[in-house]
């Protein structure tokens, strides 16, 4: 699947699905529902680091938001998943004073994200 332009959510059905229930699970469930696919995660882990380590070890695949791309090691490949599903993220800050440099960098980097909201690792 690593060389594909996109992967349908049904394509890795034979691979164990590893998920972190912290925020994204409902979106992954929605992608499966939109595709008419059964939603059966093999593993749920709390830590994104653990999830990435399990994928690196070949224990399964995962579906992550595009915004997590900077956290993914170079030896793993992210491929856009279909059907497409996106979510809206909102960032708020002070109106009358400059935002801290780290927040400003985040705002600037979000403007550069590709349009694919979800990717398979």
N, C-alpha and C. Protein backbone atom coordinates (compact mmCIF):
# COMPACT_ATOMS: atom_id res chain seq x y z
N UNK A 1 0.81 -1.20 0.00
CA UNK A 1 0.00 0.00 0.00
C UNK A 1 0.85 1.26 0.00
N UNK A 2 2.10 1.16 0.40
CA UNK A 2 2.95 2.34 0.56
C UNK A 2 3.15 3.11 -0.74
N UNK A 3 3.09 2.44 -1.88
CA UNK A 3 3.31 3.11 -3.15
C UNK A 3 2.04 3.64 -3.80
N UNK A 4 0.91 3.42 -3.18
CA UNK A 4 -0.37 3.84 -3.76
C UNK A 4 -0.61 5.34 -3.55
N UNK A 5 -1.39 5.95 -4.47
CA UNK A 5 -1.76 7.35 -4.30
C UNK A 5 -2.80 7.51 -3.20
N UNK A 6 -3.76 6.60 -3.15
CA UNK A 6 -4.76 6.57 -2.08
C UNK A 6 -5.05 5.10 -1.76
N UNK A 7 -5.59 4.89 -0.57
CA UNK A 7 -5.96 3.55 -0.13
C UNK A 7 -7.40 3.61 0.36
N UNK A 8 -8.23 2.70 -0.12
CA UNK A 8 -9.60 2.62 0.39
C UNK A 8 -9.54 1.98 1.76
N UNK A 9 -10.38 2.42 2.66
CA UNK A 9 -10.35 1.93 4.04
C UNK A 9 -10.51 0.40 4.11
N UNK A 10 -11.09 -0.20 3.09
CA UNK A 10 -11.27 -1.66 3.07
C UNK A 10 -9.99 -2.40 2.67
N UNK A 11 -9.05 -1.72 2.01
CA UNK A 11 -7.84 -2.38 1.51
C UNK A 11 -7.01 -3.05 2.60
N UNK A 12 -6.77 -2.41 3.73
CA UNK A 12 -5.96 -3.09 4.75
C UNK A 12 -6.78 -3.96 5.71
N UNK A 13 -7.92 -4.46 5.25
CA UNK A 13 -8.82 -5.22 6.14
C UNK A 13 -8.15 -6.45 6.75
N UNK A 14 -7.14 -6.99 6.09
CA UNK A 14 -6.44 -8.17 6.62
C UNK A 14 -5.36 -7.79 7.64
N UNK A 15 -5.06 -6.50 7.74
CA UNK A 15 -4.05 -6.03 8.69
C UNK A 15 -4.73 -5.56 9.97
N UNK A 16 -4.17 -5.87 11.13
CA UNK A 16 -4.76 -5.39 12.38
C UNK A 16 -4.78 -3.87 12.43
N UNK A 17 -5.90 -3.31 12.83
CA UNK A 17 -6.06 -1.87 12.95
C UNK A 17 -5.69 -1.44 14.37
N UNK A 18 -4.73 -0.52 14.48
CA UNK A 18 -4.27 -0.02 15.77
C UNK A 18 -4.75 1.42 15.89
N UNK A 19 -5.42 1.72 16.99
CA UNK A 19 -5.98 3.06 17.16
C UNK A 19 -5.67 3.63 18.52
N UNK A 20 -5.66 4.95 18.55
CA UNK A 20 -5.62 5.67 19.81
C UNK A 20 -6.99 6.30 19.98
N UNK A 21 -7.71 5.94 21.03
CA UNK A 21 -9.07 6.47 21.19
C UNK A 21 -9.11 7.94 21.58
N UNK A 22 -7.97 8.57 21.71
CA UNK A 22 -7.90 9.96 22.16
C UNK A 22 -8.23 10.94 21.04
N UNK A 23 -9.48 11.08 20.70
CA UNK A 23 -9.92 12.11 19.78
C UNK A 23 -10.21 11.68 18.36
N UNK A 24 -9.46 10.76 17.79
CA UNK A 24 -9.64 10.43 16.38
C UNK A 24 -10.50 9.20 16.14
N UNK A 25 -10.74 8.41 17.15
CA UNK A 25 -11.45 7.15 16.92
C UNK A 25 -12.83 7.37 16.30
N UNK A 26 -13.54 8.38 16.73
CA UNK A 26 -14.87 8.58 16.16
C UNK A 26 -14.79 8.93 14.68
N UNK A 27 -13.72 9.60 14.26
CA UNK A 27 -13.55 9.92 12.85
C UNK A 27 -13.19 8.67 12.04
N UNK A 28 -12.38 7.82 12.60
CA UNK A 28 -12.03 6.56 11.94
C UNK A 28 -13.29 5.69 11.81
N UNK A 29 -14.10 5.69 12.84
CA UNK A 29 -15.37 4.96 12.81
C UNK A 29 -16.27 5.51 11.69
N UNK A 30 -16.29 6.84 11.54
CA UNK A 30 -17.08 7.48 10.48
C UNK A 30 -16.60 7.06 9.10
N UNK A 31 -15.29 7.02 8.90
CA UNK A 31 -14.74 6.60 7.60
C UNK A 31 -15.20 5.18 7.27
N UNK A 32 -15.16 4.30 8.26
CA UNK A 32 -15.61 2.93 8.03
C UNK A 32 -17.10 2.89 7.70
N UNK A 33 -17.88 3.68 8.43
CA UNK A 33 -19.33 3.72 8.18
C UNK A 33 -19.62 4.24 6.78
N UNK A 34 -18.95 5.30 6.36
CA UNK A 34 -19.14 5.87 5.02
C UNK A 34 -18.81 4.85 3.92
N UNK A 35 -17.85 3.98 4.21
CA UNK A 35 -17.44 2.97 3.22
C UNK A 35 -18.25 1.69 3.34
N UNK A 36 -19.14 1.62 4.33
CA UNK A 36 -19.91 0.39 4.52
C UNK A 36 -19.04 -0.75 5.03
N UNK A 37 -17.98 -0.42 5.75
CA UNK A 37 -17.04 -1.42 6.24
C UNK A 37 -17.22 -1.65 7.73
N UNK A 38 -16.95 -2.88 8.15
CA UNK A 38 -17.00 -3.20 9.57
C UNK A 38 -15.85 -2.49 10.29
N UNK A 39 -16.14 -1.99 11.45
CA UNK A 39 -15.14 -1.28 12.25
C UNK A 39 -14.69 -2.21 13.36
N UNK A 40 -13.48 -2.76 13.23
CA UNK A 40 -12.99 -3.71 14.22
C UNK A 40 -11.51 -3.46 14.54
N UNK A 41 -11.23 -2.51 15.42
CA UNK A 41 -9.84 -2.29 15.79
C UNK A 41 -9.28 -3.50 16.56
N UNK A 42 -8.05 -3.87 16.25
CA UNK A 42 -7.40 -4.99 16.93
C UNK A 42 -6.78 -4.53 18.24
N UNK A 43 -6.29 -3.30 18.27
CA UNK A 43 -5.62 -2.77 19.46
C UNK A 43 -6.01 -1.31 19.65
N UNK A 44 -6.19 -0.92 20.91
CA UNK A 44 -6.38 0.48 21.28
C UNK A 44 -5.26 0.83 22.25
N UNK A 45 -4.53 1.88 21.94
CA UNK A 45 -3.44 2.31 22.81
C UNK A 45 -3.63 3.79 23.12
N UNK A 46 -3.22 4.20 24.30
CA UNK A 46 -3.40 5.60 24.71
C UNK A 46 -2.37 6.53 24.07
N UNK A 47 -1.17 6.06 23.96
CA UNK A 47 -0.05 6.91 23.53
C UNK A 47 0.16 6.82 22.02
N UNK A 48 0.28 7.99 21.38
CA UNK A 48 0.60 8.02 19.95
C UNK A 48 1.97 7.40 19.71
N UNK A 49 2.90 7.60 20.64
CA UNK A 49 4.23 6.99 20.51
C UNK A 49 4.15 5.48 20.49
N UNK A 50 3.31 4.91 21.33
CA UNK A 50 3.13 3.46 21.35
C UNK A 50 2.51 3.00 20.04
N UNK A 51 1.51 3.73 19.56
CA UNK A 51 0.85 3.38 18.30
C UNK A 51 1.88 3.37 17.16
N UNK A 52 2.68 4.42 17.07
CA UNK A 52 3.69 4.51 16.01
C UNK A 52 4.70 3.37 16.14
N UNK A 53 5.13 3.06 17.35
CA UNK A 53 6.08 1.96 17.56
C UNK A 53 5.48 0.62 17.12
N UNK A 54 4.21 0.41 17.41
CA UNK A 54 3.55 -0.84 17.00
C UNK A 54 3.47 -0.94 15.48
N UNK A 55 3.16 0.17 14.80
CA UNK A 55 3.12 0.17 13.34
C UNK A 55 4.52 -0.09 12.79
N UNK A 56 5.53 0.57 13.36
CA UNK A 56 6.91 0.36 12.93
C UNK A 56 7.33 -1.10 13.10
N UNK A 57 6.84 -1.76 14.15
CA UNK A 57 7.19 -3.15 14.42
C UNK A 57 6.41 -4.12 13.53
N UNK A 58 5.51 -3.59 12.70
CA UNK A 58 4.76 -4.44 11.79
C UNK A 58 3.57 -5.14 12.43
N UNK A 59 3.09 -4.59 13.54
CA UNK A 59 1.98 -5.22 14.25
C UNK A 59 0.62 -4.81 13.70
N UNK A 60 0.59 -3.88 12.76
CA UNK A 60 -0.67 -3.46 12.16
C UNK A 60 -0.53 -2.12 11.47
N UNK A 61 -1.68 -1.55 11.12
CA UNK A 61 -1.75 -0.25 10.46
C UNK A 61 -2.62 0.67 11.31
N UNK A 62 -2.57 1.96 11.01
CA UNK A 62 -3.39 2.91 11.75
C UNK A 62 -3.88 3.99 10.81
N UNK A 63 -4.92 4.67 11.20
CA UNK A 63 -5.44 5.82 10.47
C UNK A 63 -5.27 7.03 11.39
N UNK A 64 -4.55 8.02 10.87
CA UNK A 64 -4.22 9.21 11.67
C UNK A 64 -4.58 10.46 10.90
N UNK A 65 -4.80 11.57 11.60
CA UNK A 65 -5.05 12.83 10.90
C UNK A 65 -3.77 13.34 10.24
N UNK A 66 -3.93 14.05 9.15
CA UNK A 66 -2.80 14.61 8.41
C UNK A 66 -1.94 15.49 9.31
N UNK A 67 -2.54 16.14 10.29
CA UNK A 67 -1.80 17.05 11.16
C UNK A 67 -0.73 16.32 11.97
N UNK A 68 -0.82 15.00 12.08
CA UNK A 68 0.19 14.24 12.82
C UNK A 68 1.41 13.90 11.97
N UNK A 69 1.43 14.29 10.72
CA UNK A 69 2.55 13.98 9.81
C UNK A 69 3.92 14.31 10.40
N UNK A 70 4.13 15.46 11.05
CA UNK A 70 5.47 15.75 11.59
C UNK A 70 5.92 14.77 12.67
N UNK A 71 5.01 14.03 13.26
CA UNK A 71 5.36 13.08 14.32
C UNK A 71 5.71 11.69 13.78
N UNK A 72 5.48 11.47 12.50
CA UNK A 72 5.68 10.15 11.91
C UNK A 72 7.13 9.98 11.46
N UNK A 73 7.79 8.90 11.90
CA UNK A 73 9.18 8.66 11.46
C UNK A 73 9.27 8.49 9.95
N UNK A 74 10.43 8.81 9.40
CA UNK A 74 10.62 8.77 7.95
C UNK A 74 10.51 7.37 7.36
N UNK A 75 10.65 6.33 8.19
CA UNK A 75 10.57 4.98 7.64
C UNK A 75 9.11 4.50 7.50
N UNK A 76 8.15 5.29 7.96
CA UNK A 76 6.74 4.98 7.77
C UNK A 76 6.18 5.86 6.66
N UNK A 77 5.16 5.35 5.98
CA UNK A 77 4.57 6.06 4.85
C UNK A 77 3.13 6.40 5.18
N UNK A 78 2.74 7.64 4.92
CA UNK A 78 1.35 8.06 5.05
C UNK A 78 0.72 8.10 3.67
N UNK A 79 -0.43 7.47 3.55
CA UNK A 79 -1.15 7.42 2.28
C UNK A 79 -2.57 7.91 2.55
N UNK A 80 -3.09 8.84 1.75
CA UNK A 80 -4.47 9.30 1.96
C UNK A 80 -5.47 8.14 1.88
N UNK A 81 -6.47 8.20 2.76
CA UNK A 81 -7.49 7.16 2.86
C UNK A 81 -8.79 7.67 2.25
N UNK A 82 -9.48 6.79 1.53
CA UNK A 82 -10.82 7.09 1.05
C UNK A 82 -11.78 6.12 1.71
N UNK A 83 -13.00 6.49 1.98
CA UNK A 83 -13.59 7.79 1.66
C UNK A 83 -12.99 8.90 2.52
N UNK A 84 -12.97 10.07 1.95
CA UNK A 84 -12.40 11.23 2.62
C UNK A 84 -13.31 11.69 3.76
N UNK A 85 -12.72 12.05 4.84
CA UNK A 85 -13.45 12.62 5.97
C UNK A 85 -12.56 13.69 6.57
N UNK A 86 -13.13 14.82 6.89
CA UNK A 86 -12.33 15.88 7.49
C UNK A 86 -13.03 16.42 8.73
N UNK A 87 -12.28 17.14 9.50
CA UNK A 87 -12.83 17.79 10.68
C UNK A 87 -12.31 19.21 10.71
N UNK A 88 -12.99 20.03 11.44
CA UNK A 88 -12.60 21.43 11.53
C UNK A 88 -11.93 21.65 12.88
N UNK A 89 -10.72 22.20 12.84
CA UNK A 89 -9.99 22.55 14.05
C UNK A 89 -10.00 24.07 14.19
N UNK A 90 -10.23 24.54 15.38
CA UNK A 90 -10.28 25.97 15.62
C UNK A 90 -9.23 26.33 16.67
N UNK A 91 -8.47 27.37 16.39
CA UNK A 91 -7.46 27.86 17.32
C UNK A 91 -7.85 29.28 17.70
N UNK A 92 -7.87 29.56 18.99
CA UNK A 92 -8.21 30.92 19.41
C UNK A 92 -7.08 31.46 20.27
N UNK A 93 -6.99 32.77 20.31
CA UNK A 93 -5.93 33.41 21.08
C UNK A 93 -6.30 34.83 21.42
N UNK A 94 -5.38 35.53 22.07
CA UNK A 94 -5.68 36.90 22.50
C UNK A 94 -5.86 37.84 21.31
N UNK A 95 -6.81 38.72 21.43
CA UNK A 95 -7.10 39.67 20.36
C UNK A 95 -6.22 40.92 20.44
N UNK A 96 -5.86 41.32 21.63
CA UNK A 96 -5.19 42.62 21.82
C UNK A 96 -3.69 42.53 22.04
N UNK A 97 -3.11 41.37 21.93
CA UNK A 97 -1.66 41.25 22.07
C UNK A 97 -1.17 40.13 21.15
N UNK A 98 0.11 40.15 20.80
CA UNK A 98 0.65 39.12 19.90
C UNK A 98 0.58 37.73 20.53
N UNK A 99 0.39 36.75 19.69
CA UNK A 99 0.40 35.37 20.17
C UNK A 99 1.84 34.96 20.43
N UNK A 100 2.08 34.05 21.36
CA UNK A 100 3.44 33.56 21.60
C UNK A 100 4.04 32.96 20.32
N UNK A 101 5.36 32.99 20.17
CA UNK A 101 6.01 32.49 18.96
C UNK A 101 5.61 31.04 18.59
N UNK A 102 5.48 30.16 19.57
CA UNK A 102 5.11 28.77 19.27
C UNK A 102 3.71 28.69 18.67
N UNK A 103 2.80 29.49 19.19
CA UNK A 103 1.44 29.50 18.65
C UNK A 103 1.43 30.10 17.26
N UNK A 104 2.19 31.17 17.06
CA UNK A 104 2.29 31.80 15.73
C UNK A 104 2.84 30.80 14.72
N UNK A 105 3.85 30.01 15.12
CA UNK A 105 4.42 29.00 14.23
C UNK A 105 3.37 27.93 13.88
N UNK A 106 2.56 27.55 14.86
CA UNK A 106 1.50 26.58 14.60
C UNK A 106 0.50 27.13 13.61
N UNK A 107 0.07 28.36 13.81
CA UNK A 107 -0.88 28.98 12.89
C UNK A 107 -0.29 29.04 11.48
N UNK A 108 0.97 29.43 11.36
CA UNK A 108 1.62 29.51 10.05
C UNK A 108 1.74 28.13 9.39
N UNK A 109 2.03 27.09 10.19
CA UNK A 109 2.20 25.75 9.61
C UNK A 109 0.88 25.16 9.17
N UNK A 110 -0.20 25.48 9.85
CA UNK A 110 -1.51 24.95 9.47
C UNK A 110 -1.89 25.42 8.08
N UNK A 111 -1.51 26.62 7.73
CA UNK A 111 -1.80 27.14 6.40
C UNK A 111 -1.09 26.37 5.31
N UNK A 112 -0.07 25.59 5.66
CA UNK A 112 0.70 24.84 4.67
C UNK A 112 0.30 23.38 4.59
N UNK A 113 -0.66 22.93 5.38
CA UNK A 113 -1.04 21.52 5.36
C UNK A 113 -1.70 21.16 4.05
N UNK A 114 -1.44 19.96 3.54
CA UNK A 114 -2.13 19.48 2.34
C UNK A 114 -3.62 19.30 2.65
N UNK A 115 -4.42 19.16 1.62
CA UNK A 115 -5.86 19.07 1.82
C UNK A 115 -6.32 17.72 2.35
N UNK A 116 -5.55 16.65 2.19
CA UNK A 116 -5.97 15.34 2.71
C UNK A 116 -5.98 15.35 4.21
N UNK A 117 -7.13 15.12 4.82
CA UNK A 117 -7.26 15.24 6.27
C UNK A 117 -6.89 13.97 7.00
N UNK A 118 -6.98 12.85 6.35
CA UNK A 118 -6.72 11.59 7.05
C UNK A 118 -5.74 10.76 6.24
N UNK A 119 -4.87 10.04 6.93
CA UNK A 119 -3.88 9.22 6.23
C UNK A 119 -3.71 7.90 6.96
N UNK A 120 -3.31 6.90 6.20
CA UNK A 120 -3.05 5.58 6.73
C UNK A 120 -1.55 5.48 6.95
N UNK A 121 -1.16 4.99 8.13
CA UNK A 121 0.26 4.81 8.44
C UNK A 121 0.56 3.34 8.29
